[in-house]
Amino acid sequence: MGIKEKIKNRFLGYKATSESYLKKLRDSGAIIGENVVLFRPYNTSIDTQNPHLITIGNHVMITGPATILTHDYSWSVLKNKYGYVAGNQKPVKIGNNVFIGWGATILAGTTIGDNTVIGANSVVHGKLEGDSVYAGNPAKRIMGIDEYYKKRVEKQLDEAYEVVREYKKRKGSYPPQELMDEYFFLFTGGDIDNLPDAFVTKLRLAGTYDESVELLKSNKPRFKDFGEFLDYCRERESQEGE
């Protein structure tokens, strides 16, 4: 461990890294699967009061300062008025292959099904279907995951073009293909022996490398290569008067 890591661990404790935070939770009794990532561990709050009430599946991405609660201390108001201790503790269960967006709050008693996307700043409670996209406060089902997949694929070309256009405006040149590592399915398919490292890294994400490689091998890209994709961008810029 390097000096920077040691200093970070000393001052941030178990919240220093995703690994140390998850280890703390597991050691305390939480059930947490494989390939779970906390992208901002120091700013994320997962209820350590009742870790035995937390279950998180495999391939769960928690992107930013999210909150996961297993209790609700609002009963203190009732105690102050009536004297009665009316506890409120409930389990939280997060399924496999779940994305929790920036700033989301998962309230006590929530169950999130497999293959589900939780939008940024959502407040989540109750039983959420799998294969779905939820967003809002309170979070509501926006669409099914199949519809979301279709929409994301349909938007790839326009988004990739916008990335290229803005890069050229700022840098005065077109981006290297490594920078387009989220859009390479547009211009890559079949021969995958000489992929840039950035593309390989993306293929390895979420533990589905083999599946992604097979899909890429059979992929019929819109452009034969990166150069043809850039030619498209140049032509589109010209048509739009950029």
Protein backbone atom coordinates (compact mmCIF):
# COMPACT_ATOMS: atom_id res chain seq x y z
CA MET A 1 0.00 0.00 0.00
CA GLY A 2 1.37 3.40 -1.01
CA ILE A 3 1.75 6.45 1.22
CA LYS A 4 -1.31 8.17 -0.26
CA GLU A 5 -3.46 5.08 0.36
CA LYS A 6 -2.22 4.80 3.95
CA ILE A 7 -3.03 8.46 4.64
CA LYS A 8 -6.44 8.06 3.03
CA ASN A 9 -7.22 4.99 5.11
CA ARG A 10 -6.08 6.69 8.30
CA PHE A 11 -8.31 9.72 7.90
CA LEU A 12 -11.32 8.17 6.16
CA GLY A 13 -11.38 4.82 7.95
CA TYR A 14 -13.60 2.13 6.46
CA LYS A 15 -15.02 4.69 4.00
CA ALA A 16 -11.63 5.18 2.35
CA THR A 17 -12.36 2.82 -0.53
CA SER A 18 -15.21 0.80 -1.95
CA GLU A 19 -13.46 -2.40 -0.88
CA SER A 20 -12.91 -1.30 2.73
CA TYR A 21 -16.51 -0.04 3.06
CA LEU A 22 -17.96 -3.29 1.72
CA LYS A 23 -15.67 -5.33 3.96
CA LYS A 24 -16.91 -3.39 6.98
CA LEU A 25 -20.51 -4.13 6.00
CA ARG A 26 -19.85 -7.82 5.36
CA ASP A 27 -17.96 -8.19 8.63
CA SER A 28 -20.90 -6.56 10.42
CA GLY A 29 -23.44 -9.01 9.00
CA ALA A 30 -24.62 -7.55 5.71
CA ILE A 31 -24.98 -9.95 2.78
CA ILE A 32 -23.22 -8.45 -0.25
CA GLY A 33 -22.55 -10.19 -3.55
CA GLU A 34 -19.72 -9.95 -6.05
CA ASN A 35 -18.74 -6.99 -8.21
CA VAL A 36 -20.46 -4.40 -6.02
CA VAL A 37 -18.92 -0.94 -6.42
CA LEU A 38 -19.36 2.25 -4.38
CA PHE A 39 -18.03 4.99 -6.65
CA ARG A 40 -18.02 7.64 -3.89
CA PRO A 41 -17.61 5.59 -0.69
CA TYR A 42 -16.82 8.54 1.58
CA ASN A 43 -20.04 10.34 0.57
CA THR A 44 -22.22 7.23 0.61
CA SER A 45 -24.20 6.33 3.72
CA ILE A 46 -25.24 2.71 4.19
CA ASP A 47 -26.97 2.03 7.48
CA THR A 48 -24.49 0.36 9.83
CA GLN A 49 -27.04 0.36 12.66
CA ASN A 50 -28.70 -2.75 11.24
CA PRO A 51 -26.27 -4.37 8.78
CA HIS A 52 -28.03 -7.69 9.30
CA LEU A 53 -31.03 -6.18 7.52
CA ILE A 54 -29.05 -5.38 4.34
CA THR A 55 -28.86 -7.69 1.32
CA ILE A 56 -27.14 -6.55 -1.89
CA GLY A 57 -26.82 -8.85 -4.89
CA ASN A 58 -24.15 -9.20 -7.57
CA HIS A 59 -23.10 -6.49 -10.05
CA VAL A 60 -24.57 -3.53 -8.16
CA MET A 61 -23.23 -0.07 -9.05
CA ILE A 62 -23.83 2.73 -6.53
CA THR A 63 -22.60 5.82 -8.31
CA GLY A 64 -22.46 8.75 -5.93
CA PRO A 65 -23.49 10.02 -2.51
CA ALA A 66 -26.33 7.54 -2.11
CA THR A 67 -28.10 6.59 1.12
CA ILE A 68 -29.43 3.17 2.14
CA LEU A 69 -31.49 3.08 5.34
CA THR A 70 -32.84 0.19 7.40
CA HIS A 71 -34.47 2.34 10.08
CA ASP A 72 -36.59 5.46 10.50
CA TYR A 73 -36.07 7.47 13.67
CA SER A 74 -39.16 9.63 13.11
CA TRP A 75 -40.78 7.60 15.90
CA SER A 76 -38.86 9.90 18.27
CA VAL A 77 -41.61 12.48 17.70
CA LEU A 78 -44.19 9.94 18.86
CA LYS A 79 -42.10 9.07 21.89
CA ASN A 80 -41.76 12.71 22.87
CA LYS A 81 -45.53 13.18 22.63
CA TYR A 82 -46.84 9.83 23.88
CA GLY A 83 -43.90 8.18 25.64
CA TYR A 84 -44.27 5.00 23.59
CA VAL A 85 -41.26 3.52 21.77
CA ALA A 86 -42.66 2.58 18.35
CA GLY A 87 -39.61 1.17 16.56
CA ASN A 88 -39.32 1.26 12.79
CA GLN A 89 -36.68 -1.10 11.36
CA LYS A 90 -37.10 -2.97 8.09
CA PRO A 91 -34.81 -4.93 5.75
CA VAL A 92 -33.52 -3.62 2.43
CA LYS A 93 -32.96 -6.07 -0.40
CA ILE A 94 -31.24 -5.02 -3.62
CA GLY A 95 -31.18 -7.58 -6.42
CA ASN A 96 -28.58 -8.47 -9.04
CA ASN A 97 -27.46 -6.11 -11.77
CA VAL A 98 -28.81 -2.90 -10.26
CA PHE A 99 -27.65 0.66 -10.93
CA ILE A 100 -28.33 3.25 -8.21
CA GLY A 101 -27.98 6.79 -9.53
CA TRP A 102 -26.33 9.81 -7.97
CA GLY A 103 -27.94 11.01 -4.76
CA ALA A 104 -30.60 8.31 -4.56
CA THR A 105 -32.09 7.37 -1.19
CA ILE A 106 -33.22 3.81 -0.52
CA LEU A 107 -35.61 3.80 2.44
CA ALA A 108 -36.13 1.02 4.97
CA GLY A 109 -38.38 -1.78 3.78
CA THR A 110 -37.39 -1.49 0.12
CA THR A 111 -36.91 -4.42 -2.24
CA ILE A 112 -35.38 -3.76 -5.68
CA GLY A 113 -35.69 -6.47 -8.32
CA ASP A 114 -32.95 -7.68 -10.66
CA ASN A 115 -31.84 -5.70 -13.74
CA THR A 116 -33.14 -2.38 -12.47
CA VAL A 117 -32.00 1.22 -12.94
CA ILE A 118 -32.65 3.80 -10.20
CA GLY A 119 -32.45 7.37 -11.48
CA ALA A 120 -30.44 10.15 -9.87
CA ASN A 121 -31.91 11.74 -6.71
CA SER A 122 -34.73 9.20 -6.55
CA VAL A 123 -36.36 8.40 -3.22
CA VAL A 124 -37.14 4.71 -3.24
CA HIS A 125 -39.56 2.78 -1.05
CA GLY A 126 -41.57 -0.40 -1.32
CA LYS A 127 -41.26 -3.29 -3.75
CA LEU A 128 -39.78 -2.36 -7.12
CA GLU A 129 -40.17 -4.65 -10.12
CA GLY A 130 -37.15 -6.14 -11.81
CA ASP A 131 -36.25 -5.37 -15.44
CA SER A 132 -37.34 -1.77 -14.92
CA VAL A 133 -36.27 1.86 -14.76
CA TYR A 134 -37.43 3.94 -11.78
CA ALA A 135 -36.99 7.65 -11.10
CA GLY A 136 -38.48 10.49 -9.08
CA ASN A 137 -39.57 11.35 -5.54
CA PRO A 138 -41.22 9.06 -4.76
CA ALA A 139 -39.61 6.80 -7.34
CA LYS A 140 -42.03 5.47 -9.96
CA ARG A 141 -41.59 2.98 -12.78
CA ILE A 142 -40.72 4.87 -15.95
CA MET A 143 -40.29 2.00 -18.39
CA GLY A 144 -39.20 -1.60 -18.77
CA ILE A 145 -35.53 -2.45 -19.20
CA ASP A 146 -36.10 -3.72 -22.77
CA GLU A 147 -37.58 -0.38 -23.78
CA TYR A 148 -34.71 1.42 -22.07
CA TYR A 149 -32.18 -0.73 -23.94
CA LYS A 150 -33.84 0.05 -27.26
CA LYS A 151 -33.89 3.79 -26.54
CA ARG A 152 -30.24 3.83 -25.50
CA VAL A 153 -29.16 1.99 -28.67
CA GLU A 154 -31.20 4.37 -30.83
CA LYS A 155 -29.50 7.40 -29.26
CA GLN A 156 -25.91 6.16 -29.68
CA LEU A 157 -25.13 7.81 -33.01
CA ASP A 158 -26.48 11.25 -32.10
CA GLU A 159 -24.70 11.20 -28.74
CA ALA A 160 -21.42 10.02 -30.27
CA TYR A 161 -21.59 12.78 -32.85
CA GLU A 162 -22.20 15.36 -30.13
CA VAL A 163 -19.15 14.13 -28.20
CA VAL A 164 -17.01 14.49 -31.34
CA ARG A 165 -18.42 17.91 -32.18
CA GLU A 166 -17.84 19.33 -28.70
CA TYR A 167 -14.32 17.85 -28.53
CA LYS A 168 -13.44 19.52 -31.83
CA LYS A 169 -14.82 22.85 -30.63
CA ARG A 170 -12.67 22.75 -27.50
CA LYS A 171 -9.53 21.08 -28.84
CA GLY A 172 -9.49 22.11 -32.48
CA SER A 173 -9.13 18.52 -33.67
CA TYR A 174 -11.09 15.30 -33.76
CA PRO A 175 -10.81 12.94 -30.77
CA PRO A 176 -8.72 9.76 -30.85
CA GLN A 177 -10.80 6.62 -31.07
CA GLU A 178 -9.84 5.66 -27.49
CA LEU A 179 -11.96 8.58 -26.27
CA MET A 180 -15.01 7.04 -27.93
CA ASP A 181 -14.84 3.99 -25.69
CA GLU A 182 -18.56 4.13 -24.89
CA TYR A 183 -19.59 4.23 -28.56
CA PHE A 184 -17.24 1.80 -30.30
CA PHE A 185 -20.05 -0.61 -31.21
CA LEU A 186 -20.91 1.98 -33.87
CA PHE A 187 -17.71 1.28 -35.79
CA THR A 188 -16.35 -2.03 -34.48
CA GLY A 189 -17.35 -5.60 -35.20
CA GLY A 190 -16.03 -8.94 -36.34
CA ASP A 191 -12.25 -8.72 -35.91
CA ILE A 192 -11.52 -7.82 -32.31
CA ASP A 193 -7.86 -8.86 -32.11
CA ASN A 194 -6.45 -5.33 -32.04
CA LEU A 195 -8.89 -3.41 -29.92
CA PRO A 196 -7.61 -0.35 -28.01
CA ASP A 197 -7.13 -0.97 -24.29
CA ALA A 198 -9.93 1.47 -23.52
CA PHE A 199 -12.39 -0.68 -25.47
CA VAL A 200 -11.24 -3.86 -23.75
CA THR A 201 -11.71 -2.19 -20.37
CA LYS A 202 -15.32 -1.41 -21.25
CA LEU A 203 -15.87 -4.99 -22.41
CA ARG A 204 -14.68 -6.25 -19.03
CA LEU A 205 -17.11 -4.10 -17.02
CA ALA A 206 -19.91 -5.75 -15.03
CA GLY A 207 -18.38 -9.22 -15.32
CA THR A 208 -19.81 -9.95 -18.78
CA TYR A 209 -16.65 -9.92 -20.88
CA ASP A 210 -17.37 -13.16 -22.75
CA GLU A 211 -20.94 -12.16 -23.56
CA SER A 212 -19.85 -8.71 -24.77
CA VAL A 213 -17.06 -10.15 -26.91
CA GLU A 214 -19.43 -12.58 -28.61
CA LEU A 215 -21.89 -9.77 -29.26
CA LEU A 216 -19.13 -7.58 -30.70
CA LYS A 217 -17.92 -10.39 -32.98
CA SER A 218 -21.39 -10.67 -34.52
CA ASN A 219 -22.00 -6.92 -34.46
CA LYS A 220 -22.80 -5.26 -37.78
CA PRO A 221 -21.57 -1.73 -37.14
CA ARG A 222 -23.01 1.25 -38.95
CA PHE A 223 -19.50 2.30 -40.02
CA LYS A 224 -16.75 0.00 -41.25
CA ASP A 225 -14.16 1.69 -39.00
CA PHE A 226 -13.42 4.76 -36.90
CA GLY A 227 -12.26 6.73 -39.93
CA GLU A 228 -15.60 6.30 -41.66
CA PHE A 229 -17.37 7.36 -38.50
CA LEU A 230 -15.30 10.58 -38.43
CA ASP A 231 -16.12 11.16 -42.11
CA TYR A 232 -19.79 10.99 -41.14
CA CYS A 233 -19.17 13.55 -38.38
CA ARG A 234 -17.37 15.89 -40.81
CA GLU A 235 -20.22 15.67 -43.30
CA ARG A 236 -22.83 16.26 -40.62
CA GLU A 237 -20.88 19.26 -39.30
CA SER A 238 -20.79 20.69 -42.81
CA GLN A 239 -24.53 20.22 -43.27
CA GLU A 240 -25.24 21.88 -39.93
CA GLY A 241 -22.87 24.76 -40.69
CA GLU A 242 -20.55 24.02 -37.79
